[in-house]
């Protein structure tokens, strides 16, 4: 088994990933929840643009709107659990990516 396949296998067998896969259909198949996620992503993009162009007032307005929408979603317990799990797994993937980059750089710069 290749290293890549071992890593994929490892992540697919994490309890967090299994639970995400269980919760995903409830979110994806619920139009109201799915629409709110789309709205959140749209607001996030606008926040990034406002920050990039130093539009502080607009950024703060968007941040309030984002927080309100996010709180609406968090009123549903399984959505909060889903988002927390996604965050955990994303952090793990980010850590893995950083470790791989570090090892490659180390190998190249010997």
PDB file of N, CA and C in Angstrom:
ATOM      1  N   UNK A   1       0.849  -1.187   0.000  1.00  0.00           N
ATOM      2  CA  UNK A   1       0.000   0.000   0.000  1.00  0.00           C
ATOM      3  C   UNK A   1       0.889   1.243   0.000  1.00  0.00           C
ATOM      4  N   UNK A   2       0.589   2.189  -0.891  1.00  0.00           N
ATOM      5  CA  UNK A   2       1.355   3.423  -0.971  1.00  0.00           C
ATOM      6  C   UNK A   2       1.074   4.315   0.233  1.00  0.00           C
ATOM      7  N   UNK A   3       2.005   5.200   0.514  1.00  0.00           N
ATOM      8  CA  UNK A   3       1.863   6.125   1.642  1.00  0.00           C
ATOM      9  C   UNK A   3       0.595   6.956   1.500  1.00  0.00           C
ATOM     10  N   UNK A   4       0.340   7.424   0.288  1.00  0.00           N
ATOM     11  CA  UNK A   4      -0.869   8.228   0.033  1.00  0.00           C
ATOM     12  C   UNK A   4      -2.114   7.453   0.423  1.00  0.00           C
ATOM     13  N   UNK A   5      -2.178   6.192   0.030  1.00  0.00           N
ATOM     14  CA  UNK A   5      -3.336   5.358   0.345  1.00  0.00           C
ATOM     15  C   UNK A   5      -3.462   5.116   1.847  1.00  0.00           C
ATOM     16  N   UNK A   6      -2.337   4.983   2.531  1.00  0.00           N
ATOM     17  CA  UNK A   6      -2.348   4.804   3.983  1.00  0.00           C
ATOM     18  C   UNK A   6      -2.910   6.046   4.674  1.00  0.00           C
ATOM     19  N   UNK A   7      -2.514   7.205   4.194  1.00  0.00           N
ATOM     20  CA  UNK A   7      -3.002   8.461   4.774  1.00  0.00           C
ATOM     21  C   UNK A   7      -4.501   8.600   4.543  1.00  0.00           C
ATOM     22  N   UNK A   8      -4.940   8.320   3.330  1.00  0.00           N
ATOM     23  CA  UNK A   8      -6.376   8.395   3.006  1.00  0.00           C
ATOM     24  C   UNK A   8      -7.154   7.412   3.869  1.00  0.00           C
ATOM     25  N   UNK A   9      -6.630   6.212   3.981  1.00  0.00           N
ATOM     26  CA  UNK A   9      -7.253   5.196   4.825  1.00  0.00           C
ATOM     27  C   UNK A   9      -7.346   5.647   6.276  1.00  0.00           C
ATOM     28  N   UNK A  10      -6.252   6.215   6.757  1.00  0.00           N
ATOM     29  CA  UNK A  10      -6.215   6.696   8.138  1.00  0.00           C
ATOM     30  C   UNK A  10      -7.319   7.726   8.381  1.00  0.00           C
ATOM     31  N   UNK A  11      -7.408   8.715   7.496  1.00  0.00           N
ATOM     32  CA  UNK A  11      -8.413   9.769   7.673  1.00  0.00           C
ATOM     33  C   UNK A  11      -9.830   9.238   7.504  1.00  0.00           C
ATOM     34  N   UNK A  12     -10.037   8.342   6.573  1.00  0.00           N
ATOM     35  CA  UNK A  12     -11.379   7.781   6.374  1.00  0.00           C
ATOM     36  C   UNK A  12     -11.847   6.955   7.570  1.00  0.00           C
ATOM     37  N   UNK A  13     -10.902   6.461   8.356  1.00  0.00           N
ATOM     38  CA  UNK A  13     -11.259   5.643   9.511  1.00  0.00           C
ATOM     39  C   UNK A  13     -11.314   6.421  10.824  1.00  0.00           C
ATOM     40  N   UNK A  14     -11.061   7.698  10.771  1.00  0.00           N
ATOM     41  CA  UNK A  14     -11.191   8.516  11.971  1.00  0.00           C
ATOM     42  C   UNK A  14     -12.659   8.616  12.365  1.00  0.00           C
ATOM     43  N   UNK A  15     -12.922   8.564  13.664  1.00  0.00           N
ATOM     44  CA  UNK A  15     -14.302   8.681  14.144  1.00  0.00           C
ATOM     45  C   UNK A  15     -14.926  10.007  13.705  1.00  0.00           C
ATOM     46  N   UNK A  16     -14.119  11.067  13.704  1.00  0.00           N
ATOM     47  CA  UNK A  16     -14.626  12.382  13.299  1.00  0.00           C
ATOM     48  C   UNK A  16     -15.106  12.365  11.850  1.00  0.00           C
ATOM     49  N   UNK A  17     -14.336  11.735  10.980  1.00  0.00           N
ATOM     50  CA  UNK A  17     -14.696  11.677   9.558  1.00  0.00           C
ATOM     51  C   UNK A  17     -15.937  10.810   9.365  1.00  0.00           C
ATOM     52  N   UNK A  18     -15.985   9.703  10.081  1.00  0.00           N
ATOM     53  CA  UNK A  18     -17.175   8.836   9.989  1.00  0.00           C
ATOM     54  C   UNK A  18     -18.435   9.590  10.415  1.00  0.00           C
ATOM     55  N   UNK A  19     -18.309  10.346  11.482  1.00  0.00           N
ATOM     56  CA  UNK A  19     -19.470  11.108  11.974  1.00  0.00           C
ATOM     57  C   UNK A  19     -19.856  12.214  10.984  1.00  0.00           C
ATOM     58  N   UNK A  20     -18.873  12.869  10.384  1.00  0.00           N
ATOM     59  CA  UNK A  20     -19.149  13.891   9.367  1.00  0.00           C
ATOM     60  C   UNK A  20     -19.954  13.265   8.230  1.00  0.00           C
ATOM     61  N   UNK A  21     -19.536  12.090   7.812  1.00  0.00           N
ATOM     62  CA  UNK A  21     -20.228  11.404   6.715  1.00  0.00           C
ATOM     63  C   UNK A  21     -21.658  11.027   7.100  1.00  0.00           C
ATOM     64  N   UNK A  22     -21.880  10.749   8.383  1.00  0.00           N
ATOM     65  CA  UNK A  22     -23.240  10.447   8.849  1.00  0.00           C
ATOM     66  C   UNK A  22     -24.116  11.700   8.841  1.00  0.00           C
ATOM     67  N   UNK A  23     -23.535  12.825   9.223  1.00  0.00           N
ATOM     68  CA  UNK A  23     -24.305  14.067   9.344  1.00  0.00           C
ATOM     69  C   UNK A  23     -24.510  14.776   8.008  1.00  0.00           C
ATOM     70  N   UNK A  24     -23.590  14.589   7.080  1.00  0.00           N
ATOM     71  CA  UNK A  24     -23.635  15.312   5.807  1.00  0.00           C
ATOM     72  C   UNK A  24     -24.966  15.194   5.068  1.00  0.00           C
ATOM     73  N   UNK A  25     -25.534  14.011   4.941  1.00  0.00           N
ATOM     74  CA  UNK A  25     -26.810  13.920   4.202  1.00  0.00           C
ATOM     75  C   UNK A  25     -27.926  14.773   4.812  1.00  0.00           C
ATOM     76  N   UNK A  26     -27.940  14.892   6.137  1.00  0.00           N
ATOM     77  CA  UNK A  26     -28.978  15.709   6.788  1.00  0.00           C
ATOM     78  C   UNK A  26     -28.820  17.182   6.406  1.00  0.00           C
ATOM     79  N   UNK A  27     -27.596  17.589   6.212  1.00  0.00           N
ATOM     80  CA  UNK A  27     -27.332  18.984   5.862  1.00  0.00           C
ATOM     81  C   UNK A  27     -27.537  19.200   4.366  1.00  0.00           C
ATOM     82  N   UNK A  28     -26.980  18.324   3.566  1.00  0.00           N
ATOM     83  CA  UNK A  28     -27.052  18.479   2.106  1.00  0.00           C
ATOM     84  C   UNK A  28     -28.475  18.331   1.580  1.00  0.00           C
ATOM     85  N   UNK A  29     -29.280  17.495   2.239  1.00  0.00           N
ATOM     86  CA  UNK A  29     -30.635  17.235   1.761  1.00  0.00           C
ATOM     87  C   UNK A  29     -31.686  18.158   2.362  1.00  0.00           C
ATOM     88  N   UNK A  30     -31.257  19.067   3.222  1.00  0.00           N
ATOM     89  CA  UNK A  30     -32.182  20.028   3.810  1.00  0.00           C
ATOM     90  C   UNK A  30     -31.946  21.378   3.135  1.00  0.00           C
ATOM     91  N   UNK A  31     -32.855  21.771   2.289  1.00  0.00           N
ATOM     92  CA  UNK A  31     -32.680  22.988   1.491  1.00  0.00           C
ATOM     93  C   UNK A  31     -32.441  24.218   2.358  1.00  0.00           C
ATOM     94  N   UNK A  32     -33.194  24.360   3.436  1.00  0.00           N
ATOM     95  CA  UNK A  32     -33.055  25.529   4.309  1.00  0.00           C
ATOM     96  C   UNK A  32     -31.636  25.606   4.911  1.00  0.00           C
ATOM     97  N   UNK A  33     -31.172  24.481   5.423  1.00  0.00           N
ATOM     98  CA  UNK A  33     -29.832  24.451   6.018  1.00  0.00           C
ATOM     99  C   UNK A  33     -28.783  24.662   4.948  1.00  0.00           C
ATOM    100  N   UNK A  34     -28.940  23.990   3.834  1.00  0.00           N
ATOM    101  CA  UNK A  34     -27.985  24.115   2.738  1.00  0.00           C
ATOM    102  C   UNK A  34     -27.906  25.555   2.240  1.00  0.00           C
ATOM    103  N   UNK A  35     -29.053  26.212   2.120  1.00  0.00           N
ATOM    104  CA  UNK A  35     -29.087  27.614   1.691  1.00  0.00           C
ATOM    105  C   UNK A  35     -28.339  28.508   2.680  1.00  0.00           C
ATOM    106  N   UNK A  36     -28.488  28.229   3.978  1.00  0.00           N
ATOM    107  CA  UNK A  36     -27.788  29.028   4.986  1.00  0.00           C
ATOM    108  C   UNK A  36     -26.276  28.842   4.883  1.00  0.00           C
ATOM    109  N   UNK A  37     -25.846  27.619   4.591  1.00  0.00           N
ATOM    110  CA  UNK A  37     -24.419  27.388   4.393  1.00  0.00           C
ATOM    111  C   UNK A  37     -23.903  28.167   3.184  1.00  0.00           C
ATOM    112  N   UNK A  38     -24.686  28.178   2.134  1.00  0.00           N
ATOM    113  CA  UNK A  38     -24.306  28.927   0.927  1.00  0.00           C
ATOM    114  C   UNK A  38     -24.217  30.420   1.259  1.00  0.00           C
ATOM    115  N   UNK A  39     -25.189  30.932   2.026  1.00  0.00           N
ATOM    116  CA  UNK A  39     -25.163  32.339   2.444  1.00  0.00           C
ATOM    117  C   UNK A  39     -23.914  32.643   3.273  1.00  0.00           C
ATOM    118  N   UNK A  40     -23.577  31.731   4.190  1.00  0.00           N
ATOM    119  CA  UNK A  40     -22.381  31.930   5.018  1.00  0.00           C
ATOM    120  C   UNK A  40     -21.121  32.015   4.159  1.00  0.00           C
ATOM    121  N   UNK A  41     -21.009  31.102   3.197  1.00  0.00           N
ATOM    122  CA  UNK A  41     -19.844  31.114   2.313  1.00  0.00           C
ATOM    123  C   UNK A  41     -19.775  32.413   1.520  1.00  0.00           C
ATOM    124  N   UNK A  42     -20.931  32.877   1.054  1.00  0.00           N
ATOM    125  CA  UNK A  42     -20.990  34.127   0.297  1.00  0.00           C
ATOM    126  C   UNK A  42     -20.547  35.312   1.164  1.00  0.00           C
ATOM    127  N   UNK A  43     -21.023  35.339   2.398  1.00  0.00           N
ATOM    128  CA  UNK A  43     -20.634  36.422   3.319  1.00  0.00           C
ATOM    129  C   UNK A  43     -19.139  36.346   3.616  1.00  0.00           C
ATOM    130  N   UNK A  44     -18.622  35.132   3.787  1.00  0.00           N
ATOM    131  CA  UNK A  44     -17.188  34.967   4.038  1.00  0.00           C
ATOM    132  C   UNK A  44     -16.359  35.560   2.896  1.00  0.00           C
ATOM    133  N   UNK A  45     -16.774  35.283   1.669  1.00  0.00           N
ATOM    134  CA  UNK A  45     -16.062  35.825   0.502  1.00  0.00           C
ATOM    135  C   UNK A  45     -16.077  37.351   0.532  1.00  0.00           C
ATOM    136  N   UNK A  46     -17.236  37.917   0.846  1.00  0.00           N
ATOM    137  CA  UNK A  46     -17.355  39.376   0.916  1.00  0.00           C
ATOM    138  C   UNK A  46     -16.486  39.934   2.040  1.00  0.00           C
ATOM    139  N   UNK A  47     -16.423  39.225   3.166  1.00  0.00           N
ATOM    140  CA  UNK A  47     -15.583  39.667   4.289  1.00  0.00           C
ATOM    141  C   UNK A  47     -14.109  39.684   3.882  1.00  0.00           C
ATOM    142  N   UNK A  48     -13.691  38.640   3.176  1.00  0.00           N
ATOM    143  CA  UNK A  48     -12.297  38.568   2.727  1.00  0.00           C
ATOM    144  C   UNK A  48     -11.982  39.728   1.794  1.00  0.00           C
ATOM    145  N   UNK A  49     -12.897  40.006   0.865  1.00  0.00           N
ATOM    146  CA  UNK A  49     -12.691  41.126  -0.062  1.00  0.00           C
ATOM    147  C   UNK A  49     -12.635  42.458   0.678  1.00  0.00           C
ATOM    148  N   UNK A  50     -13.549  42.648   1.626  1.00  0.00           N
ATOM    149  CA  UNK A  50     -13.575  43.907   2.389  1.00  0.00           C
ATOM    150  C   UNK A  50     -12.277  44.075   3.168  1.00  0.00           C
ATOM    151  N   UNK A  51     -11.800  42.992   3.755  1.00  0.00           N
ATOM    152  CA  UNK A  51     -10.547  43.052   4.514  1.00  0.00           C
ATOM    153  C   UNK A  51      -9.377  43.337   3.574  1.00  0.00           C
ATOM    154  N   UNK A  52      -9.381  42.669   2.427  1.00  0.00           N
ATOM    155  CA  UNK A  52      -8.310  42.839   1.437  1.00  0.00           C
ATOM    156  C   UNK A  52      -8.219  44.287   0.955  1.00  0.00           C
ATOM    157  N   UNK A  53      -9.367  44.926   0.773  1.00  0.00           N
ATOM    158  CA  UNK A  53      -9.389  46.299   0.277  1.00  0.00           C
ATOM    159  C   UNK A  53      -9.511  47.328   1.402  1.00  0.00           C
ATOM    160  N   UNK A  54      -9.255  46.848   2.625  1.00  0.00           N
ATOM    161  CA  UNK A  54      -9.197  47.721   3.800  1.00  0.00           C
ATOM    162  C   UNK A  54     -10.496  48.497   4.028  1.00  0.00           C
ATOM    163  N   UNK A  55     -11.615  47.848   3.775  1.00  0.00           N
ATOM    164  CA  UNK A  55     -12.935  48.433   3.995  1.00  0.00           C
ATOM    165  C   UNK A  55     -13.443  47.963   5.362  1.00  0.00           C
ATOM    166  N   UNK A  56     -12.890  48.568   6.390  1.00  0.00           N
ATOM    167  CA  UNK A  56     -13.107  48.117   7.762  1.00  0.00           C
ATOM    168  C   UNK A  56     -14.576  48.161   8.175  1.00  0.00           C
ATOM    169  N   UNK A  57     -15.280  49.250   7.870  1.00  0.00           N
ATOM    170  CA  UNK A  57     -16.696  49.361   8.251  1.00  0.00           C
ATOM    171  C   UNK A  57     -17.540  48.282   7.591  1.00  0.00           C
ATOM    172  N   UNK A  58     -17.309  48.078   6.313  1.00  0.00           N
ATOM    173  CA  UNK A  58     -18.054  47.042   5.588  1.00  0.00           C
ATOM    174  C   UNK A  58     -17.730  45.673   6.169  1.00  0.00           C
ATOM    175  N   UNK A  59     -16.456  45.455   6.478  1.00  0.00           N
ATOM    176  CA  UNK A  59     -16.041  44.182   7.065  1.00  0.00           C
ATOM    177  C   UNK A  59     -16.799  43.918   8.375  1.00  0.00           C
ATOM    178  N   UNK A  60     -16.875  44.917   9.241  1.00  0.00           N
ATOM    179  CA  UNK A  60     -17.549  44.744  10.527  1.00  0.00           C
ATOM    180  C   UNK A  60     -19.048  44.494  10.355  1.00  0.00           C
ATOM    181  N   UNK A  61     -19.668  45.147   9.386  1.00  0.00           N
ATOM    182  CA  UNK A  61     -21.084  44.900   9.101  1.00  0.00           C
ATOM    183  C   UNK A  61     -21.289  43.457   8.631  1.00  0.00           C
ATOM    184  N   UNK A  62     -20.405  43.021   7.732  1.00  0.00           N
ATOM    185  CA  UNK A  62     -20.489  41.659   7.223  1.00  0.00           C
ATOM    186  C   UNK A  62     -20.219  40.631   8.328  1.00  0.00           C
ATOM    187  N   UNK A  63     -19.301  40.966   9.210  1.00  0.00           N
ATOM    188  CA  UNK A  63     -18.972  40.069  10.331  1.00  0.00           C
ATOM    189  C   UNK A  63     -20.192  39.877  11.230  1.00  0.00           C
ATOM    190  N   UNK A  64     -20.917  40.951  11.504  1.00  0.00           N
ATOM    191  CA  UNK A  64     -22.137  40.849  12.309  1.00  0.00           C
ATOM    192  C   UNK A  64     -23.165  39.959  11.605  1.00  0.00           C
ATOM    193  N   UNK A  65     -23.327  40.196  10.319  1.00  0.00           N
ATOM    194  CA  UNK A  65     -24.277  39.393   9.532  1.00  0.00           C
ATOM    195  C   UNK A  65     -23.854  37.924   9.547  1.00  0.00           C
ATOM    196  N   UNK A  66     -22.556  37.692   9.380  1.00  0.00           N
ATOM    197  CA  UNK A  66     -22.018  36.333   9.404  1.00  0.00           C
ATOM    198  C   UNK A  66     -22.296  35.660  10.747  1.00  0.00           C
ATOM    199  N   UNK A  67     -22.001  36.349  11.829  1.00  0.00           N
ATOM    200  CA  UNK A  67     -22.214  35.796  13.172  1.00  0.00           C
ATOM    201  C   UNK A  67     -23.684  35.464  13.413  1.00  0.00           C
ATOM    202  N   UNK A  68     -24.588  36.345  12.945  1.00  0.00           N
ATOM    203  CA  UNK A  68     -26.017  36.089  13.100  1.00  0.00           C
ATOM    204  C   UNK A  68     -26.447  34.830  12.344  1.00  0.00           C
ATOM    205  N   UNK A  69     -25.999  34.705  11.107  1.00  0.00           N
ATOM    206  CA  UNK A  69     -26.342  33.534  10.293  1.00  0.00           C
ATOM    207  C   UNK A  69     -25.754  32.270  10.911  1.00  0.00           C
ATOM    208  N   UNK A  70     -24.539  32.382  11.387  1.00  0.00           N
ATOM    209  CA  UNK A  70     -23.868  31.238  11.997  1.00  0.00           C
ATOM    210  C   UNK A  70     -24.615  30.797  13.261  1.00  0.00           C
ATOM    211  N   UNK A  71     -25.060  31.753  14.064  1.00  0.00           N
ATOM    212  CA  UNK A  71     -25.815  31.430  15.276  1.00  0.00           C
ATOM    213  C   UNK A  71     -27.138  30.747  14.940  1.00  0.00           C
ATOM    214  N   UNK A  72     -27.767  31.166  13.855  1.00  0.00           N
ATOM    215  CA  UNK A  72     -29.003  30.512  13.418  1.00  0.00           C
ATOM    216  C   UNK A  72     -28.741  29.034  13.122  1.00  0.00           C
ATOM    217  N   UNK A  73     -27.620  28.780  12.448  1.00  0.00           N
ATOM    218  CA  UNK A  73     -27.270  27.397  12.144  1.00  0.00           C
ATOM    219  C   UNK A  73     -26.926  26.618  13.406  1.00  0.00           C
ATOM    220  N   UNK A  74     -26.260  27.282  14.336  1.00  0.00           N
ATOM    221  CA  UNK A  74     -25.838  26.609  15.568  1.00  0.00           C
ATOM    222  C   UNK A  74     -27.008  26.293  16.487  1.00  0.00           C
ATOM    223  N   UNK A  75     -28.168  26.840  16.197  1.00  0.00           N
ATOM    224  CA  UNK A  75     -29.351  26.482  16.972  1.00  0.00           C
ATOM    225  C   UNK A  75     -29.737  25.022  16.724  1.00  0.00           C
ATOM    226  N   UNK A  76     -29.244  24.474  15.635  1.00  0.00           N
ATOM    227  CA  UNK A  76     -29.479  23.068  15.319  1.00  0.00           C
ATOM    228  C   UNK A  76     -28.264  22.271  15.805  1.00  0.00           C
ATOM    229  N   UNK A  77     -28.430  21.451  16.844  1.00  0.00           N
ATOM    230  CA  UNK A  77     -27.283  20.783  17.478  1.00  0.00           C
ATOM    231  C   UNK A  77     -26.415  19.965  16.516  1.00  0.00           C
ATOM    232  N   UNK A  78     -27.027  19.251  15.580  1.00  0.00           N
ATOM    233  CA  UNK A  78     -26.211  18.430  14.694  1.00  0.00           C
ATOM    234  C   UNK A  78     -25.374  19.280  13.731  1.00  0.00           C
ATOM    235  N   UNK A  79     -25.840  20.479  13.425  1.00  0.00           N
ATOM    236  CA  UNK A  79     -25.065  21.376  12.559  1.00  0.00           C
ATOM    237  C   UNK A  79     -23.837  21.866  13.306  1.00  0.00           C
ATOM    238  N   UNK A  80     -24.020  22.224  14.555  1.00  0.00           N
ATOM    239  CA  UNK A  80     -22.883  22.657  15.372  1.00  0.00           C
ATOM    240  C   UNK A  80     -21.862  21.533  15.486  1.00  0.00           C
ATOM    241  N   UNK A  81     -22.335  20.331  15.745  1.00  0.00           N
ATOM    242  CA  UNK A  81     -21.430  19.175  15.834  1.00  0.00           C
ATOM    243  C   UNK A  81     -20.696  18.983  14.508  1.00  0.00           C
ATOM    244  N   UNK A  82     -21.429  19.056  13.410  1.00  0.00           N
ATOM    245  CA  UNK A  82     -20.845  18.892  12.081  1.00  0.00           C
ATOM    246  C   UNK A  82     -19.739  19.916  11.834  1.00  0.00           C
ATOM    247  N   UNK A  83     -20.024  21.179  12.111  1.00  0.00           N
ATOM    248  CA  UNK A  83     -19.036  22.238  11.872  1.00  0.00           C
ATOM    249  C   UNK A  83     -17.809  22.085  12.769  1.00  0.00           C
ATOM    250  N   UNK A  84     -18.018  21.677  13.998  1.00  0.00           N
ATOM    251  CA  UNK A  84     -16.887  21.454  14.901  1.00  0.00           C
ATOM    252  C   UNK A  84     -16.018  20.308  14.394  1.00  0.00           C
ATOM    253  N   UNK A  85     -16.651  19.235  13.942  1.00  0.00           N
ATOM    254  CA  UNK A  85     -15.904  18.095  13.420  1.00  0.00           C
ATOM    255  C   UNK A  85     -15.140  18.463  12.148  1.00  0.00           C
ATOM    256  N   UNK A  86     -15.783  19.216  11.272  1.00  0.00           N
ATOM    257  CA  UNK A  86     -15.112  19.657  10.043  1.00  0.00           C
ATOM    258  C   UNK A  86     -13.886  20.498  10.399  1.00  0.00           C
ATOM    259  N   UNK A  87     -14.035  21.362  11.378  1.00  0.00           N
ATOM    260  CA  UNK A  87     -12.927  22.197  11.819  1.00  0.00           C
ATOM    261  C   UNK A  87     -11.779  21.342  12.366  1.00  0.00           C
ATOM    262  N   UNK A  88     -12.104  20.357  13.166  1.00  0.00           N
ATOM    263  CA  UNK A  88     -11.089  19.455  13.734  1.00  0.00           C
ATOM    264  C   UNK A  88     -10.343  18.726  12.624  1.00  0.00           C
ATOM    265  N   UNK A  89     -11.080  18.152  11.692  1.00  0.00           N
ATOM    266  CA  UNK A  89     -10.460  17.395  10.602  1.00  0.00           C
ATOM    267  C   UNK A  89      -9.639  18.323   9.704  1.00  0.00           C
ATOM    268  N   UNK A  90     -10.156  19.511   9.419  1.00  0.00           N
ATOM    269  CA  UNK A  90      -9.390  20.466   8.604  1.00  0.00           C
ATOM    270  C   UNK A  90      -8.081  20.844   9.280  1.00  0.00           C
ATOM    271  N   UNK A  91      -8.110  21.024  10.593  1.00  0.00           N
ATOM    272  CA  UNK A  91      -6.877  21.328  11.323  1.00  0.00           C
ATOM    273  C   UNK A  91      -5.893  20.172  11.252  1.00  0.00           C
ATOM    274  N   UNK A  92      -6.407  18.953  11.347  1.00  0.00           N
ATOM    275  CA  UNK A  92      -5.542  17.775  11.231  1.00  0.00           C
ATOM    276  C   UNK A  92      -4.909  17.704   9.845  1.00  0.00           C
ATOM    277  N   UNK A  93      -5.706  17.970   8.823  1.00  0.00           N
ATOM    278  CA  UNK A  93      -5.188  17.955   7.450  1.00  0.00           C
ATOM    279  C   UNK A  93      -4.157  19.062   7.246  1.00  0.00           C
ATOM    280  N   UNK A  94      -4.418  20.209   7.826  1.00  0.00           N
ATOM    281  CA  UNK A  94      -3.480  21.324   7.735  1.00  0.00           C
ATOM    282  C   UNK A  94      -2.162  20.972   8.422  1.00  0.00           C
ATOM    283  N   UNK A  95      -2.245  20.356   9.597  1.00  0.00           N
ATOM    284  CA  UNK A  95      -1.034  19.931  10.307  1.00  0.00           C
ATOM    285  C   UNK A  95      -0.247  18.914   9.483  1.00  0.00           C
ATOM    286  N   UNK A  96      -0.959  17.981   8.884  1.00  0.00           N
ATOM    287  CA  UNK A  96      -0.309  16.977   8.039  1.00  0.00           C
ATOM    288  C   UNK A  96       0.371  17.642   6.847  1.00  0.00           C
ATOM    289  N   UNK A  97      -0.324  18.556   6.217  1.00  0.00           N
ATOM    290  CA  UNK A  97       0.238  19.279   5.076  1.00  0.00           C
ATOM    291  C   UNK A  97       1.499  20.045   5.472  1.00  0.00           C
ATOM    292  N   UNK A  98       1.456  20.705   6.614  1.00  0.00           N
ATOM    293  CA  UNK A  98       2.638  21.439   7.093  1.00  0.00           C
ATOM    294  C   UNK A  98       3.798  20.501   7.368  1.00  0.00           C
ATOM    295  N   UNK A  99       3.505  19.344   7.941  1.00  0.00           N
ATOM    296  CA  UNK A  99       4.545  18.361   8.228  1.00  0.00           C
ATOM    297  C   UNK A  99       5.173  17.834   6.937  1.00  0.00           C
ATOM    298  N   UNK A 100       4.340  17.543   5.952  1.00  0.00           N
ATOM    299  CA  UNK A 100       4.844  17.068   4.659  1.00  0.00           C
ATOM    300  C   UNK A 100       5.722  18.133   4.016  1.00  0.00           C
ATOM    301  N   UNK A 101       5.254  19.382   4.017  1.00  0.00           N
ATOM    302  CA  UNK A 101       6.047  20.478   3.454  1.00  0.00           C
ATOM    303  C   UNK A 101       7.383  20.627   4.172  1.00  0.00           C
ATOM    304  N   UNK A 102       7.351  20.525   5.496  1.00  0.00           N
ATOM    305  CA  UNK A 102       8.579  20.625   6.291  1.00  0.00           C
ATOM    306  C   UNK A 102       9.556  19.515   5.912  1.00  0.00           C
ATOM    307  N   UNK A 103       9.067  18.292   5.816  1.00  0.00           N
ATOM    308  CA  UNK A 103       9.943  17.160   5.486  1.00  0.00           C
ATOM    309  C   UNK A 103      10.509  17.269   4.077  1.00  0.00           C
ATOM    310  N   UNK A 104       9.694  17.741   3.153  1.00  0.00           N
ATOM    311  CA  UNK A 104      10.184  17.924   1.778  1.00  0.00           C
ATOM    312  C   UNK A 104      11.245  19.017   1.741  1.00  0.00           C
ATOM    313  N   UNK A 105      10.979  20.150   2.386  1.00  0.00           N
ATOM    314  CA  UNK A 105      11.968  21.241   2.442  1.00  0.00           C
ATOM    315  C   UNK A 105      13.261  20.774   3.087  1.00  0.00           C
ATOM    316  N   UNK A 106      13.133  20.014   4.140  1.00  0.00           N
ATOM    317  CA  UNK A 106      14.300  19.505   4.862  1.00  0.00           C
ATOM    318  C   UNK A 106      15.126  18.616   3.939  1.00  0.00           C
ATOM    319  N   UNK A 107      14.445  17.771   3.186  1.00  0.00           N
ATOM    320  CA  UNK A 107      15.116  16.851   2.272  1.00  0.00           C
ATOM    321  C   UNK A 107      15.796  17.624   1.134  1.00  0.00           C
ATOM    322  N   UNK A 108      15.118  18.619   0.607  1.00  0.00           N
ATOM    323  CA  UNK A 108      15.662  19.402  -0.510  1.00  0.00           C
ATOM    324  C   UNK A 108      16.881  20.214  -0.069  1.00  0.00           C
ATOM    325  N   UNK A 109      16.823  20.758   1.133  1.00  0.00           N
ATOM    326  CA  UNK A 109      17.877  21.660   1.610  1.00  0.00           C
ATOM    327  C   UNK A 109      19.012  20.956   2.345  1.00  0.00           C
ATOM    328  N   UNK A 110      19.123  19.654   2.198  1.00  0.00           N
ATOM    329  CA  UNK A 110      20.230  18.935   2.847  1.00  0.00           C
ATOM    330  C   UNK A 110      21.550  19.340   2.268  1.00  0.00           C
TER     331      UNK A 110
END
